[in-house]
Protein backbone atom coordinates (compact mmCIF):
# COMPACT_ATOMS: atom_id res chain seq x y z
CA UNK A 1 133.17 68.82 109.42
CA UNK A 2 130.33 70.73 107.77
CA UNK A 3 127.87 72.69 109.89
CA UNK A 4 124.43 71.05 109.94
CA UNK A 5 125.87 68.03 108.08
CA UNK A 6 123.77 65.65 110.16
CA UNK A 7 120.54 67.58 109.55
CA UNK A 8 118.03 66.60 106.91
CA UNK A 9 116.71 69.25 104.54
CA UNK A 10 113.39 69.30 106.39
CA UNK A 11 115.14 69.79 109.73
CA UNK A 12 117.01 72.80 108.44
CA UNK A 13 113.92 74.32 106.79
CA UNK A 14 112.04 74.18 110.10
CA UNK A 15 115.05 75.70 111.86
CA UNK A 16 115.28 78.45 109.23
CA UNK A 17 111.57 79.29 109.50
CA UNK A 18 111.93 79.58 113.27
CA UNK A 19 114.94 81.89 112.88
CA UNK A 20 113.03 83.94 110.30
CA UNK A 21 110.29 84.54 112.84
CA UNK A 22 112.86 85.67 115.40
CA UNK A 23 114.47 87.93 112.78
CA UNK A 24 111.17 89.63 111.99
CA UNK A 25 110.55 90.25 115.69
CA UNK A 26 114.11 91.54 116.18
CA UNK A 27 113.83 93.84 113.16
CA UNK A 28 110.99 95.70 114.88
CA UNK A 29 112.26 95.33 118.45
CA UNK A 30 115.72 96.82 117.79
CA UNK A 31 114.61 100.30 116.63
CA UNK A 32 111.78 100.37 119.16
CA UNK A 33 114.36 100.02 121.95
CA UNK A 34 117.17 102.12 120.45
CA UNK A 35 115.36 105.09 118.89
CA UNK A 36 115.85 108.47 120.58
CA UNK A 37 113.36 109.55 123.21
CA UNK A 38 113.18 113.03 121.66
CA UNK A 39 111.50 115.99 123.32
CA UNK A 40 107.88 116.72 124.12
CA UNK A 41 106.30 119.40 121.94
CA UNK A 42 102.87 120.89 122.39
CA UNK A 43 102.99 123.21 119.38
CA UNK A 44 102.67 120.77 116.47
CA UNK A 45 100.38 122.20 113.79
CA UNK A 46 98.67 120.35 110.94
CA UNK A 47 101.70 120.55 108.64
CA UNK A 48 103.98 119.13 111.36
CA UNK A 49 101.51 116.37 112.18
CA UNK A 50 101.07 115.44 108.52
CA UNK A 51 104.81 114.93 108.09
CA UNK A 52 104.98 112.93 111.30
CA UNK A 53 102.13 110.67 110.24
CA UNK A 54 103.02 109.88 106.64
CA UNK A 55 105.72 112.11 105.22
CA UNK A 56 105.57 114.37 102.18
CA UNK A 57 102.44 112.84 100.67
CA UNK A 58 100.31 113.55 103.75
CA UNK A 59 101.95 116.99 104.07
CA UNK A 60 100.73 117.96 100.60
CA UNK A 61 97.29 116.47 101.22
CA UNK A 62 96.84 118.48 104.41
CA UNK A 63 97.83 121.80 102.84
CA UNK A 64 95.61 121.23 99.81
CA UNK A 65 92.66 120.22 102.01
CA UNK A 66 93.09 123.35 104.13
CA UNK A 67 93.15 125.70 101.14
CA UNK A 68 90.24 123.93 99.45
CA UNK A 69 88.06 123.95 102.58
CA UNK A 70 88.69 127.68 103.16
CA UNK A 71 87.89 128.65 99.59
CA UNK A 72 91.33 129.21 98.16
CA UNK A 73 91.18 126.25 95.76
CA UNK A 74 88.42 124.65 93.73
CA UNK A 75 87.89 121.61 91.54
CA UNK A 76 88.99 121.95 87.92
CA UNK A 77 88.16 118.38 86.93
CA UNK A 78 90.40 115.63 85.65
CA UNK A 79 92.22 115.29 88.96
CA UNK A 80 93.27 118.95 89.00
CA UNK A 81 92.54 121.98 91.17
CA UNK A 82 92.81 125.69 90.47
CA UNK A 83 93.32 128.80 92.58
CA UNK A 84 90.08 130.73 92.98
CA UNK A 85 91.08 133.07 95.81
CA UNK A 86 94.79 133.82 96.13
CA UNK A 87 94.11 136.10 99.09
CA UNK A 88 93.23 133.34 101.56
CA UNK A 89 95.56 133.53 104.58
CA UNK A 90 98.03 130.67 104.37
CA UNK A 91 101.38 129.37 105.56
CA UNK A 92 104.43 129.84 103.31
CA UNK A 93 103.76 126.40 101.83
CA UNK A 94 100.12 127.28 101.21
CA UNK A 95 101.11 130.55 99.56
CA UNK A 96 103.35 128.63 97.17
CA UNK A 97 100.26 126.84 95.86
CA UNK A 98 98.12 129.97 95.82
CA UNK A 99 100.72 131.61 93.58
CA UNK A 100 100.04 129.10 90.79
CA UNK A 101 98.27 130.58 87.79
CA UNK A 102 97.36 127.34 86.02
CA UNK A 103 95.34 124.29 87.19
CA UNK A 104 97.65 121.83 88.88
CA UNK A 105 97.75 118.10 89.62
CA UNK A 106 98.76 116.51 92.88
CA UNK A 107 102.14 115.59 91.44
CA UNK A 108 102.77 119.24 90.57
CA UNK A 109 101.66 120.27 94.06
CA UNK A 110 104.13 117.79 95.56
CA UNK A 111 106.96 119.36 93.56
CA UNK A 112 105.95 122.87 94.60
CA UNK A 113 105.81 121.88 98.27
CA UNK A 114 108.99 119.77 98.35
CA UNK A 115 111.28 122.51 99.65
CA UNK A 116 108.76 123.49 102.35
CA UNK A 117 108.40 119.86 103.41
CA UNK A 118 112.20 119.56 103.68
CA UNK A 119 112.37 122.67 105.86
CA UNK A 120 109.61 121.40 108.12
CA UNK A 121 111.33 118.01 108.37
CA UNK A 122 114.62 119.67 109.37
CA UNK A 123 112.82 121.65 112.06
CA UNK A 124 111.08 118.55 113.42
CA UNK A 125 114.50 116.92 113.74
CA UNK A 126 115.84 119.92 115.64
CA UNK A 127 112.79 119.86 117.91
CA UNK A 128 113.29 116.18 118.73
CA UNK A 129 110.20 114.74 117.03
CA UNK A 130 112.12 113.05 114.20
CA UNK A 131 115.40 111.18 114.54
CA UNK A 132 118.56 112.73 113.14
CA UNK A 133 119.79 111.57 109.72
CA UNK A 134 122.80 109.71 111.13
CA UNK A 135 120.66 107.94 113.73
CA UNK A 136 118.08 107.02 111.10
CA UNK A 137 120.76 105.39 108.96
CA UNK A 138 122.19 103.49 111.93
CA UNK A 139 118.79 102.20 113.05
CA UNK A 140 117.88 101.11 109.54
CA UNK A 141 121.02 99.04 109.14
CA UNK A 142 120.73 97.58 112.63
CA UNK A 143 117.13 96.57 111.98
CA UNK A 144 118.06 94.43 108.96
CA UNK A 145 121.14 92.82 110.52
CA UNK A 146 119.12 89.78 111.71
CA UNK A 147 117.94 89.22 108.13
CA UNK A 148 121.49 89.62 106.78
CA UNK A 149 122.85 87.03 109.22
CA UNK A 150 120.04 84.65 108.33
CA UNK A 151 120.67 85.03 104.59
CA UNK A 152 124.36 84.18 105.09
CA UNK A 153 123.42 81.10 107.09
CA UNK A 154 120.88 80.03 104.49
CA UNK A 155 123.30 80.53 101.60
CA UNK A 156 125.89 78.41 103.39
CA UNK A 157 123.41 75.57 103.85
CA UNK A 158 122.09 75.92 100.30
CA UNK A 159 125.55 75.61 98.76
CA UNK A 160 126.43 72.67 100.99
CA UNK A 161 123.15 70.95 100.12
CA UNK A 162 123.63 71.54 96.40
CA UNK A 163 127.12 70.04 96.57
CA UNK A 164 125.59 66.89 98.06
CA UNK A 165 122.86 66.75 95.41
CA UNK A 166 120.05 67.72 97.77
CA UNK A 167 116.97 69.60 96.57
CA UNK A 168 117.20 73.17 97.84
CA UNK A 169 114.28 74.84 96.06
CA UNK A 170 112.28 75.52 99.23
CA UNK A 171 115.34 76.99 100.91
CA UNK A 172 115.91 79.30 97.94
CA UNK A 173 112.31 80.50 98.24
CA UNK A 174 112.83 81.23 101.94
CA UNK A 175 116.05 83.09 101.14
CA UNK A 176 114.19 85.27 98.64
CA UNK A 177 111.46 85.93 101.21
CA UNK A 178 114.12 86.95 103.74
CA UNK A 179 115.66 89.41 101.30
CA UNK A 180 112.24 90.90 100.50
CA UNK A 181 111.46 91.35 104.20
CA UNK A 182 114.82 93.04 104.72
CA UNK A 183 114.22 95.46 101.85
CA UNK A 184 110.71 96.27 103.06
CA UNK A 185 112.01 96.85 106.60
CA UNK A 186 114.79 99.11 105.34
CA UNK A 187 112.48 101.24 103.18
CA UNK A 188 109.36 101.40 105.36
CA UNK A 189 110.97 102.70 108.50
CA UNK A 190 109.42 104.91 111.15
CA UNK A 191 111.74 107.92 111.43
CA UNK A 192 110.00 109.46 114.44
CA UNK A 193 111.39 109.64 117.94
CA UNK A 194 109.49 108.16 120.87
CA UNK A 195 107.94 111.56 121.55
CA UNK A 196 107.07 112.01 117.87
CA UNK A 197 105.13 108.76 117.93
CA UNK A 198 103.49 109.66 121.24
CA UNK A 199 102.33 113.07 120.03
CA UNK A 200 100.58 111.57 117.00
CA UNK A 201 98.92 108.84 119.06
CA UNK A 202 97.73 111.41 121.61
CA UNK A 203 96.32 113.73 118.96
CA UNK A 204 94.52 110.88 117.21
CA UNK A 205 92.77 109.97 120.45
CA UNK A 206 91.97 113.59 121.30
CA UNK A 207 90.73 114.37 117.79
CA UNK A 208 88.84 111.18 116.96
CA UNK A 209 85.74 113.25 116.09
CA UNK A 210 87.55 114.57 113.02
CA UNK A 211 87.21 111.15 111.43
CA UNK A 212 83.47 111.68 111.17
CA UNK A 213 82.65 115.37 110.78
CA UNK A 214 85.52 117.83 110.28
CA UNK A 215 84.65 121.51 109.95
CA UNK A 216 86.26 123.72 107.31
CA UNK A 217 88.89 125.02 109.73
CA UNK A 218 89.61 121.44 110.86
CA UNK A 219 90.12 119.91 107.43
CA UNK A 220 93.90 120.31 107.50
CA UNK A 221 94.31 118.53 110.85
CA UNK A 222 91.72 115.87 109.98
CA UNK A 223 93.61 114.95 106.81
CA UNK A 224 96.96 115.18 108.59
CA UNK A 225 95.84 112.65 111.20
CA UNK A 226 93.56 110.34 109.23
CA UNK A 227 94.12 110.90 105.50
CA UNK A 228 91.92 112.27 102.74
CA UNK A 229 89.32 109.55 103.33
CA UNK A 230 87.78 111.78 106.03
CA UNK A 231 86.73 114.18 103.25
CA UNK A 232 84.49 111.64 101.51
CA UNK A 233 80.90 112.84 101.77
CA UNK A 234 81.95 116.43 102.48
CA UNK A 235 82.05 119.41 100.07
CA UNK A 236 85.82 118.93 99.93
CA UNK A 237 85.75 115.40 98.49
CA UNK A 238 87.56 116.54 95.28
CA UNK A 239 90.76 116.64 97.35
CA UNK A 240 90.36 112.92 98.02
CA UNK A 241 89.55 112.26 94.37
CA UNK A 242 92.59 114.27 93.30
CA UNK A 243 94.84 112.17 95.50
CA UNK A 244 93.68 108.92 93.97
CA UNK A 245 93.75 110.36 90.47
CA UNK A 246 97.37 111.33 91.08
CA UNK A 247 98.16 107.85 92.32
CA UNK A 248 96.75 106.17 89.20
CA UNK A 249 98.49 108.67 86.91
CA UNK A 250 101.89 107.96 88.41
CA UNK A 251 101.30 104.23 88.53
CA UNK A 252 102.29 104.03 92.17
CA UNK A 253 101.36 105.20 95.62
CA UNK A 254 102.30 108.69 96.69
CA UNK A 255 103.18 107.45 100.12
CA UNK A 256 105.87 109.50 101.71
CA UNK A 257 109.05 108.38 103.29
CA UNK A 258 109.79 111.12 105.70
CA UNK A 259 107.47 110.27 108.49
CA UNK A 260 106.62 106.77 108.97
CA UNK A 261 109.01 105.63 106.42
CA UNK A 262 111.95 107.79 107.27
CA UNK A 263 113.71 110.28 105.15
CA UNK A 264 113.38 107.77 104.60
CA UNK A 265 108.41 106.67 106.19
CA UNK A 266 105.78 106.08 107.32
CA UNK A 267 104.73 107.19 110.52
CA UNK A 268 102.23 104.51 110.23
CA UNK A 269 104.63 102.03 108.76
CA UNK A 270 106.05 100.45 111.79
CA UNK A 271 108.89 100.41 114.26
């Protein structure tokens, strides 16, 4: 006897939509309950925070904003910056940019900073603010299991319906939607531990003023926490323009996948 053989197509569609809602909730609930607690850290600097918030893209933005605001970089035009004072005190990542002799785009800056971002990410994992690689993989797969089970159920019903000559177009659309949600959930995954999330939330509350009026020595943390939009209307707005110029040149967002989206994130991308 076939499963759901007594159900009409409409009955099953309503049942599937209900299960899809439960699957979405479960996909966010599972990692929220199973992610590591991590360890409390009070020493997170702007580079750490930037990676925690939105991965490599925010990491690069924060370093560039810091160097620009303190006079190490200036606007070259066309979405590029150039080094105007290589002697500005900077972190190892900042010094990598200050060593450039030619004007550079944001994409070039990302490449220059990639190894530094990877080292910072590894340290954040050791310090308990980001989940370990093996845990990240496990949580990702667990989070899409509800979608996988639902797809199998939907495919079974779709094949059975087709064999009986039923119209299954709406079910196929729902199956495609389920697959898309699973892919989005897998890619946009928050790779922070509970403490990593808590530290960012705490700093955003404590530093809310930076949204409105960051000083030169606060530009790095302001961008790390809130993005380059906080620089609009300041003398450092070219950093914001450079980011969006780089996005249009590459044809896609520069959003990172180390923080909120995992090493895989986006700190701000969910569960």
